[in-house]
N, C-alpha and C. Protein backbone atom coordinates (compact mmCIF):
# COMPACT_ATOMS: atom_id res chain seq x y z
N MET A 1 0.81 -1.20 0.00
CA MET A 1 0.00 0.00 0.00
C MET A 1 0.86 1.26 0.00
N LYS A 2 1.94 1.22 0.79
CA LYS A 2 2.83 2.37 0.86
C LYS A 2 3.51 2.63 -0.48
N LYS A 3 3.87 1.53 -1.16
CA LYS A 3 4.52 1.68 -2.46
C LYS A 3 3.57 2.30 -3.47
N LEU A 4 2.34 1.90 -3.46
CA LEU A 4 1.34 2.45 -4.37
C LEU A 4 1.11 3.93 -4.09
N LEU A 5 1.00 4.29 -2.85
CA LEU A 5 0.81 5.68 -2.47
C LEU A 5 2.02 6.52 -2.85
N PHE A 6 3.21 6.01 -2.60
CA PHE A 6 4.44 6.73 -2.94
C PHE A 6 4.57 6.93 -4.44
N SER A 7 4.33 5.87 -5.22
CA SER A 7 4.47 5.98 -6.67
C SER A 7 3.42 6.91 -7.26
N SER A 8 2.20 6.91 -6.75
CA SER A 8 1.18 7.82 -7.28
C SER A 8 1.53 9.28 -6.94
N MET A 9 2.06 9.53 -5.76
CA MET A 9 2.47 10.89 -5.39
C MET A 9 3.65 11.35 -6.24
N PHE A 10 4.56 10.44 -6.55
CA PHE A 10 5.71 10.77 -7.38
C PHE A 10 5.26 11.15 -8.79
N ILE A 11 4.37 10.39 -9.37
CA ILE A 11 3.87 10.67 -10.72
C ILE A 11 3.12 12.00 -10.75
N ILE A 12 2.30 12.25 -9.77
CA ILE A 12 1.55 13.51 -9.71
C ILE A 12 2.49 14.70 -9.57
N SER A 13 3.53 14.58 -8.76
CA SER A 13 4.48 15.68 -8.60
C SER A 13 5.26 15.93 -9.88
N CYS A 14 5.61 14.89 -10.61
CA CYS A 14 6.32 15.07 -11.88
C CYS A 14 5.45 15.76 -12.90
N LEU A 15 4.19 15.40 -12.96
CA LEU A 15 3.28 16.04 -13.92
C LEU A 15 2.97 17.48 -13.53
N ALA A 16 2.95 17.78 -12.27
CA ALA A 16 2.62 19.13 -11.82
C ALA A 16 3.74 20.12 -12.08
N PHE A 17 5.00 19.67 -12.07
CA PHE A 17 6.12 20.59 -12.21
C PHE A 17 6.70 20.64 -13.62
N GLY A 18 6.21 19.88 -14.56
CA GLY A 18 6.70 19.91 -15.93
C GLY A 18 6.13 21.10 -16.68
N GLN A 19 6.94 21.67 -17.59
CA GLN A 19 6.47 22.80 -18.38
C GLN A 19 5.68 22.30 -19.59
N ASP A 20 4.59 22.99 -19.87
CA ASP A 20 3.78 22.72 -21.04
C ASP A 20 4.22 23.70 -22.13
N ILE A 21 4.94 23.21 -23.14
CA ILE A 21 5.47 24.07 -24.19
C ILE A 21 4.66 23.85 -25.46
N LYS A 22 4.18 24.96 -26.03
CA LYS A 22 3.43 24.91 -27.29
C LYS A 22 4.05 25.89 -28.27
N MET A 23 4.21 25.42 -29.50
CA MET A 23 4.76 26.26 -30.57
C MET A 23 3.71 26.32 -31.67
N LYS A 24 3.01 27.46 -31.75
CA LYS A 24 1.97 27.62 -32.77
C LYS A 24 1.97 29.04 -33.30
N LYS A 25 1.82 29.16 -34.61
CA LYS A 25 1.65 30.44 -35.30
C LYS A 25 2.75 31.44 -34.95
N GLY A 26 3.97 30.97 -34.86
CA GLY A 26 5.10 31.87 -34.61
C GLY A 26 5.31 32.27 -33.17
N LEU A 27 4.52 31.73 -32.24
CA LEU A 27 4.66 32.06 -30.83
C LEU A 27 4.99 30.82 -30.01
N ILE A 28 5.87 30.99 -29.02
CA ILE A 28 6.20 29.92 -28.10
C ILE A 28 5.52 30.25 -26.77
N SER A 29 4.64 29.35 -26.34
CA SER A 29 3.94 29.53 -25.06
C SER A 29 4.42 28.47 -24.08
N ILE A 30 4.73 28.93 -22.87
CA ILE A 30 5.13 28.01 -21.80
C ILE A 30 4.14 28.18 -20.67
N ASP A 31 3.46 27.09 -20.34
CA ASP A 31 2.40 27.08 -19.32
C ASP A 31 1.33 28.12 -19.61
N GLY A 32 0.99 28.30 -20.89
CA GLY A 32 -0.09 29.20 -21.29
C GLY A 32 0.32 30.66 -21.42
N LYS A 33 1.56 31.00 -21.11
CA LYS A 33 2.02 32.40 -21.22
C LYS A 33 2.95 32.53 -22.40
N GLU A 34 2.77 33.59 -23.18
CA GLU A 34 3.65 33.83 -24.33
C GLU A 34 5.05 34.14 -23.82
N TRP A 35 6.04 33.39 -24.35
CA TRP A 35 7.41 33.55 -23.88
C TRP A 35 8.31 34.15 -24.94
N ALA A 36 8.22 33.66 -26.18
CA ALA A 36 9.11 34.13 -27.24
C ALA A 36 8.44 33.91 -28.60
N LYS A 37 9.12 34.36 -29.64
CA LYS A 37 8.64 34.17 -31.01
C LYS A 37 9.61 33.23 -31.73
N TYR A 38 9.11 32.56 -32.76
CA TYR A 38 9.98 31.70 -33.56
C TYR A 38 9.65 31.86 -35.03
N ASP A 39 10.61 31.45 -35.85
CA ASP A 39 10.43 31.50 -37.29
C ASP A 39 11.12 30.28 -37.90
N GLY A 40 10.41 29.55 -38.73
CA GLY A 40 11.00 28.44 -39.47
C GLY A 40 11.33 27.21 -38.65
N CYS A 41 10.54 26.87 -37.68
CA CYS A 41 10.83 25.70 -36.83
C CYS A 41 9.98 24.50 -37.22
N GLY A 42 9.70 24.35 -38.48
CA GLY A 42 8.88 23.24 -38.92
C GLY A 42 9.66 21.94 -38.98
N LEU A 43 8.98 20.88 -39.33
CA LEU A 43 9.57 19.55 -39.34
C LEU A 43 10.68 19.42 -40.38
N PHE A 44 10.53 20.06 -41.53
CA PHE A 44 11.50 19.92 -42.60
C PHE A 44 12.40 21.14 -42.76
N ASP A 45 12.34 22.09 -41.85
CA ASP A 45 13.17 23.29 -41.92
C ASP A 45 14.57 22.98 -41.38
N ALA A 46 15.57 23.51 -42.08
CA ALA A 46 16.96 23.31 -41.65
C ALA A 46 17.41 24.36 -40.65
N GLU A 47 16.61 25.41 -40.48
CA GLU A 47 16.98 26.47 -39.55
C GLU A 47 15.76 26.93 -38.77
N CYS A 48 15.96 27.22 -37.50
CA CYS A 48 14.91 27.68 -36.62
C CYS A 48 15.44 28.88 -35.84
N ASN A 49 14.76 29.99 -35.88
CA ASN A 49 15.18 31.18 -35.14
C ASN A 49 14.21 31.43 -33.99
N ILE A 50 14.76 31.56 -32.79
CA ILE A 50 13.98 31.83 -31.60
C ILE A 50 14.35 33.22 -31.12
N GLN A 51 13.35 34.10 -30.98
CA GLN A 51 13.62 35.48 -30.59
C GLN A 51 12.89 35.81 -29.29
N TYR A 52 13.67 36.28 -28.32
CA TYR A 52 13.13 36.74 -27.04
C TYR A 52 13.49 38.21 -26.92
N LYS A 53 12.52 39.08 -27.08
CA LYS A 53 12.71 40.53 -27.08
C LYS A 53 13.80 40.92 -28.08
N ASP A 54 14.99 41.33 -27.62
CA ASP A 54 16.03 41.79 -28.55
C ASP A 54 17.07 40.71 -28.87
N SER A 55 17.07 39.61 -28.16
CA SER A 55 18.07 38.56 -28.36
C SER A 55 17.51 37.48 -29.27
N GLU A 56 18.41 36.86 -30.04
CA GLU A 56 17.97 35.83 -30.98
C GLU A 56 18.90 34.63 -30.91
N VAL A 57 18.30 33.46 -30.96
CA VAL A 57 19.02 32.19 -30.96
C VAL A 57 18.67 31.48 -32.25
N ALA A 58 19.69 30.99 -32.97
CA ALA A 58 19.47 30.24 -34.20
C ALA A 58 19.76 28.78 -33.94
N VAL A 59 18.85 27.91 -34.32
CA VAL A 59 19.04 26.47 -34.21
C VAL A 59 19.21 25.95 -35.63
N ILE A 60 20.40 25.48 -35.96
CA ILE A 60 20.72 25.08 -37.33
C ILE A 60 20.90 23.57 -37.37
N LEU A 61 20.21 22.93 -38.30
CA LEU A 61 20.26 21.48 -38.46
C LEU A 61 21.44 21.11 -39.37
N HIS A 62 22.29 20.21 -38.92
CA HIS A 62 23.40 19.69 -39.72
C HIS A 62 23.12 18.23 -40.03
N LYS A 63 23.40 17.84 -41.27
CA LYS A 63 23.17 16.47 -41.69
C LYS A 63 24.34 16.04 -42.57
N ILE A 64 25.01 14.95 -42.22
CA ILE A 64 26.09 14.44 -43.06
C ILE A 64 25.94 12.93 -43.17
N ASN A 65 26.61 12.36 -44.15
CA ASN A 65 26.65 10.90 -44.30
C ASN A 65 28.02 10.43 -43.86
N ASP A 66 28.05 9.58 -42.87
CA ASP A 66 29.29 9.05 -42.32
C ASP A 66 29.32 7.55 -42.55
N ILE A 67 30.30 7.11 -43.34
CA ILE A 67 30.38 5.70 -43.68
C ILE A 67 30.56 4.84 -42.42
N ALA A 68 31.30 5.35 -41.46
CA ALA A 68 31.55 4.58 -40.23
C ALA A 68 30.29 4.41 -39.39
N SER A 69 29.27 5.24 -39.60
CA SER A 69 28.03 5.15 -38.83
C SER A 69 26.99 4.23 -39.46
N ARG A 70 27.34 3.60 -40.57
CA ARG A 70 26.38 2.71 -41.23
C ARG A 70 26.19 1.43 -40.42
N ASP A 71 24.94 1.03 -40.32
CA ASP A 71 24.60 -0.25 -39.72
C ASP A 71 23.28 -0.71 -40.32
N LYS A 72 22.71 -1.77 -39.79
CA LYS A 72 21.49 -2.29 -40.41
C LYS A 72 20.29 -1.36 -40.20
N TYR A 73 20.35 -0.46 -39.21
CA TYR A 73 19.26 0.48 -38.98
C TYR A 73 19.48 1.82 -39.67
N ASN A 74 20.71 2.14 -39.99
CA ASN A 74 21.06 3.40 -40.64
C ASN A 74 21.93 3.07 -41.85
N LYS A 75 21.29 2.64 -42.93
CA LYS A 75 22.01 2.15 -44.10
C LYS A 75 22.79 3.24 -44.83
N ASP A 76 22.33 4.50 -44.75
CA ASP A 76 23.04 5.59 -45.41
C ASP A 76 24.15 6.19 -44.55
N GLY A 77 24.16 5.85 -43.27
CA GLY A 77 25.15 6.43 -42.37
C GLY A 77 24.86 7.89 -42.07
N GLU A 78 23.59 8.28 -42.07
CA GLU A 78 23.21 9.68 -41.88
C GLU A 78 23.33 10.06 -40.40
N VAL A 79 24.04 11.14 -40.14
CA VAL A 79 24.22 11.66 -38.79
C VAL A 79 23.62 13.06 -38.77
N THR A 80 22.72 13.31 -37.82
CA THR A 80 22.02 14.58 -37.74
C THR A 80 22.16 15.16 -36.34
N TRP A 81 22.44 16.45 -36.27
CA TRP A 81 22.51 17.15 -34.99
C TRP A 81 22.13 18.60 -35.19
N CYS A 82 21.84 19.29 -34.11
CA CYS A 82 21.47 20.70 -34.15
C CYS A 82 22.57 21.54 -33.50
N GLU A 83 22.89 22.65 -34.14
CA GLU A 83 23.81 23.62 -33.56
C GLU A 83 22.98 24.79 -33.07
N VAL A 84 23.10 25.12 -31.80
CA VAL A 84 22.35 26.22 -31.20
C VAL A 84 23.31 27.40 -31.07
N LYS A 85 23.06 28.47 -31.86
CA LYS A 85 23.94 29.63 -31.87
C LYS A 85 23.28 30.80 -31.16
N PHE A 86 24.03 31.44 -30.28
CA PHE A 86 23.57 32.66 -29.61
C PHE A 86 24.09 33.82 -30.45
N LEU A 87 23.22 34.36 -31.29
CA LEU A 87 23.64 35.36 -32.27
C LEU A 87 24.18 36.62 -31.59
N GLY A 88 25.30 37.11 -32.10
CA GLY A 88 25.93 38.30 -31.56
C GLY A 88 26.95 38.01 -30.47
N THR A 89 27.08 36.75 -30.04
CA THR A 89 28.02 36.42 -28.97
C THR A 89 29.14 35.50 -29.43
N ASN A 90 29.04 34.95 -30.62
CA ASN A 90 30.03 34.00 -31.15
C ASN A 90 30.12 32.74 -30.30
N LEU A 91 29.03 32.38 -29.60
CA LEU A 91 28.98 31.17 -28.78
C LEU A 91 27.92 30.23 -29.34
N SER A 92 28.18 28.93 -29.25
CA SER A 92 27.20 27.95 -29.71
C SER A 92 27.49 26.61 -29.03
N TYR A 93 26.50 25.73 -29.08
CA TYR A 93 26.66 24.35 -28.61
C TYR A 93 25.88 23.44 -29.53
N GLU A 94 26.15 22.13 -29.42
CA GLU A 94 25.53 21.17 -30.32
C GLU A 94 24.85 20.05 -29.53
N VAL A 95 23.66 19.67 -30.00
CA VAL A 95 22.88 18.62 -29.34
C VAL A 95 22.11 17.81 -30.38
N ILE A 96 21.66 16.64 -29.95
CA ILE A 96 20.71 15.87 -30.75
C ILE A 96 19.37 16.03 -30.03
N GLU A 97 18.61 17.02 -30.42
CA GLU A 97 17.32 17.32 -29.80
C GLU A 97 16.36 17.84 -30.84
N THR A 98 15.10 17.86 -30.49
CA THR A 98 14.11 18.51 -31.33
C THR A 98 14.06 19.99 -30.98
N ASN A 99 13.40 20.77 -31.81
CA ASN A 99 13.28 22.20 -31.53
C ASN A 99 12.56 22.47 -30.23
N LYS A 100 11.54 21.66 -29.94
CA LYS A 100 10.77 21.85 -28.72
C LYS A 100 11.61 21.58 -27.48
N SER A 101 12.42 20.54 -27.51
CA SER A 101 13.27 20.26 -26.35
C SER A 101 14.40 21.27 -26.23
N THR A 102 14.83 21.85 -27.34
CA THR A 102 15.83 22.92 -27.30
C THR A 102 15.25 24.15 -26.63
N VAL A 103 13.99 24.49 -26.95
CA VAL A 103 13.31 25.61 -26.31
C VAL A 103 13.21 25.37 -24.80
N LYS A 104 12.87 24.14 -24.43
CA LYS A 104 12.75 23.80 -23.00
C LYS A 104 14.10 23.95 -22.29
N THR A 105 15.17 23.53 -22.95
CA THR A 105 16.51 23.67 -22.38
C THR A 105 16.87 25.13 -22.19
N LEU A 106 16.57 25.97 -23.20
CA LEU A 106 16.88 27.40 -23.10
C LEU A 106 16.07 28.06 -21.99
N TYR A 107 14.81 27.66 -21.86
CA TYR A 107 13.94 28.24 -20.83
C TYR A 107 14.41 27.84 -19.43
N LYS A 108 14.69 26.54 -19.25
CA LYS A 108 15.12 26.07 -17.93
C LYS A 108 16.48 26.64 -17.53
N ALA A 109 17.36 26.84 -18.51
CA ALA A 109 18.69 27.37 -18.21
C ALA A 109 18.65 28.85 -17.88
N GLY A 110 17.59 29.54 -18.29
CA GLY A 110 17.46 30.97 -18.00
C GLY A 110 18.48 31.81 -18.74
N VAL A 111 18.68 31.55 -20.03
CA VAL A 111 19.71 32.26 -20.79
C VAL A 111 19.32 33.69 -21.15
N PHE A 112 18.05 34.05 -20.98
CA PHE A 112 17.60 35.40 -21.29
C PHE A 112 17.34 36.19 -20.01
N ASN A 113 17.80 37.44 -19.99
CA ASN A 113 17.46 38.36 -18.91
C ASN A 113 16.08 38.95 -19.18
N GLU A 114 15.48 39.61 -18.20
CA GLU A 114 14.15 40.20 -18.36
C GLU A 114 14.14 41.29 -19.43
N ASP A 115 15.26 42.00 -19.60
CA ASP A 115 15.30 43.08 -20.60
C ASP A 115 15.52 42.55 -22.02
N GLY A 116 15.72 41.24 -22.17
CA GLY A 116 15.86 40.65 -23.50
C GLY A 116 17.30 40.35 -23.87
N SER A 117 18.25 40.76 -23.06
CA SER A 117 19.65 40.47 -23.36
C SER A 117 20.00 39.06 -22.87
N PHE A 118 21.14 38.57 -23.32
CA PHE A 118 21.58 37.25 -22.87
C PHE A 118 22.19 37.35 -21.47
N ASN A 119 21.91 36.35 -20.64
CA ASN A 119 22.58 36.21 -19.36
C ASN A 119 23.85 35.42 -19.65
N MET A 120 24.97 36.12 -19.81
CA MET A 120 26.19 35.50 -20.31
C MET A 120 26.74 34.40 -19.40
N ASP A 121 26.55 34.52 -18.10
CA ASP A 121 27.00 33.46 -17.20
C ASP A 121 26.28 32.16 -17.50
N LYS A 122 24.98 32.23 -17.70
CA LYS A 122 24.18 31.02 -17.97
C LYS A 122 24.42 30.51 -19.38
N VAL A 123 24.65 31.42 -20.33
CA VAL A 123 24.97 31.00 -21.70
C VAL A 123 26.30 30.25 -21.71
N ASN A 124 27.29 30.79 -21.01
CA ASN A 124 28.60 30.13 -20.95
C ASN A 124 28.51 28.76 -20.28
N LYS A 125 27.68 28.63 -19.24
CA LYS A 125 27.50 27.33 -18.58
C LYS A 125 26.86 26.32 -19.53
N LEU A 126 25.87 26.77 -20.30
CA LEU A 126 25.20 25.89 -21.25
C LEU A 126 26.15 25.45 -22.36
N VAL A 127 26.96 26.38 -22.86
CA VAL A 127 27.94 26.06 -23.90
C VAL A 127 28.99 25.10 -23.35
N GLU A 128 29.41 25.31 -22.12
CA GLU A 128 30.39 24.43 -21.49
C GLU A 128 29.81 23.03 -21.25
N LYS A 129 28.54 22.98 -20.89
CA LYS A 129 27.88 21.70 -20.61
C LYS A 129 27.78 20.82 -21.85
N TYR A 130 27.33 21.39 -22.97
CA TYR A 130 27.10 20.60 -24.17
C TYR A 130 28.28 20.60 -25.14
N GLY A 131 28.95 21.72 -25.32
CA GLY A 131 30.15 21.80 -26.15
C GLY A 131 29.90 21.62 -27.64
N GLN A 132 30.97 21.33 -28.36
CA GLN A 132 30.96 21.19 -29.82
C GLN A 132 31.32 19.76 -30.21
N GLN A 133 30.65 18.78 -29.65
CA GLN A 133 31.05 17.40 -29.81
C GLN A 133 30.94 16.87 -31.24
N PHE A 134 30.01 17.34 -32.04
CA PHE A 134 29.82 16.77 -33.37
C PHE A 134 30.70 17.42 -34.42
N SER A 135 30.80 18.74 -34.42
CA SER A 135 31.62 19.40 -35.43
C SER A 135 33.09 19.06 -35.25
N LYS A 136 33.54 18.86 -34.02
CA LYS A 136 34.93 18.43 -33.80
C LYS A 136 35.16 17.06 -34.43
N ARG A 137 34.19 16.18 -34.25
CA ARG A 137 34.34 14.82 -34.76
C ARG A 137 34.24 14.75 -36.27
N TYR A 138 33.32 15.49 -36.87
CA TYR A 138 33.05 15.30 -38.30
C TYR A 138 33.70 16.33 -39.20
N TYR A 139 33.98 17.52 -38.72
CA TYR A 139 34.55 18.53 -39.60
C TYR A 139 36.05 18.71 -39.41
N GLN A 140 36.54 18.69 -38.19
CA GLN A 140 37.95 18.95 -37.96
C GLN A 140 38.82 17.73 -38.20
N ASN A 141 38.33 16.54 -37.91
CA ASN A 141 39.15 15.34 -38.05
C ASN A 141 39.14 14.77 -39.46
N ASN A 142 38.20 15.14 -40.30
CA ASN A 142 38.10 14.54 -41.62
C ASN A 142 39.16 15.06 -42.59
N SER A 143 39.84 16.14 -42.27
CA SER A 143 40.84 16.66 -43.18
C SER A 143 42.06 15.74 -43.24
N THR A 144 42.31 14.93 -42.22
CA THR A 144 43.47 14.04 -42.20
C THR A 144 43.11 12.62 -42.64
N GLN A 145 41.86 12.37 -42.95
CA GLN A 145 41.45 11.04 -43.33
C GLN A 145 41.81 10.78 -44.78
N THR A 146 42.37 9.61 -45.06
CA THR A 146 42.73 9.23 -46.41
C THR A 146 41.76 8.16 -46.90
N VAL A 147 41.22 8.36 -48.08
CA VAL A 147 40.30 7.40 -48.66
C VAL A 147 40.99 6.79 -49.87
N ILE A 148 41.10 5.47 -49.91
CA ILE A 148 41.74 4.77 -51.02
C ILE A 148 40.65 4.07 -51.82
N ILE A 149 40.59 4.38 -53.10
CA ILE A 149 39.61 3.75 -53.98
C ILE A 149 40.39 2.84 -54.91
N GLN A 150 40.06 1.56 -54.90
CA GLN A 150 40.79 0.59 -55.70
C GLN A 150 39.90 0.14 -56.84
N ASP A 151 40.46 0.17 -58.03
CA ASP A 151 39.72 -0.27 -59.21
C ASP A 151 39.83 -1.79 -59.27
N THR A 152 38.70 -2.47 -59.17
CA THR A 152 38.73 -3.94 -59.13
C THR A 152 38.12 -4.57 -60.39
N ARG A 153 38.08 -3.81 -61.48
CA ARG A 153 37.54 -4.39 -62.71
C ARG A 153 38.54 -5.41 -63.27
N PRO A 154 38.05 -6.53 -63.78
CA PRO A 154 38.98 -7.51 -64.34
C PRO A 154 39.60 -7.00 -65.65
N ALA A 155 40.81 -7.44 -65.90
CA ALA A 155 41.49 -7.05 -67.14
C ALA A 155 40.80 -7.73 -68.31
N SER A 156 40.97 -7.17 -69.48
CA SER A 156 40.33 -7.75 -70.65
C SER A 156 40.99 -9.08 -71.02
N GLY A 157 40.25 -9.93 -71.67
CA GLY A 157 40.78 -11.22 -72.07
C GLY A 157 40.34 -12.30 -71.11
N VAL A 158 41.01 -13.43 -71.13
CA VAL A 158 40.68 -14.54 -70.28
C VAL A 158 41.51 -14.46 -69.00
N ASN A 159 40.85 -14.51 -67.88
CA ASN A 159 41.53 -14.44 -66.59
C ASN A 159 41.51 -15.82 -65.95
N ILE A 160 42.69 -16.35 -65.73
CA ILE A 160 42.79 -17.66 -65.08
C ILE A 160 43.61 -17.47 -63.82
N SER A 161 43.02 -17.86 -62.71
CA SER A 161 43.72 -17.79 -61.43
C SER A 161 44.02 -19.19 -60.96
N ILE A 162 45.29 -19.50 -60.87
CA ILE A 162 45.68 -20.84 -60.43
C ILE A 162 46.31 -20.69 -59.05
N GLY A 163 45.89 -21.51 -58.13
CA GLY A 163 46.50 -21.52 -56.80
C GLY A 163 45.79 -20.64 -55.80
N LYS A 164 44.70 -20.06 -56.14
CA LYS A 164 43.96 -19.24 -55.17
C LYS A 164 42.87 -19.98 -54.53
């Protein structure tokens, strides 16, 4: 009985403290209150801009094909991630998230001040927390990679292999 009571109280408390985020018609609402504006955050958009008063955050979708990432579930080796840029500050971080979860992260981190400017301490903490894990792996290291392509077409005429 105690376990049932404890688990039901735990579930109720989790549901009561979660933010309800809605993105409709260019407005981001959190718990029914208008928080920010957005542009281009659709399912097939490669860029999403989130604007809070005077500050703007750009969420840019990166997609590459990585041969090493191919497996039976990802036959093309497609790797996708989002780069979250704080425009005007030259700071950014990278995550594998949806636009909605990125908005939730920005809201919970408190990266915006009331006047609309960036709270640089919180922006720096967020950038330090997530970092540039994907661009370092896929853009900076690929310049030293050597790809060898071998032509395996048979020579013309009759090919006889003895002893193989």
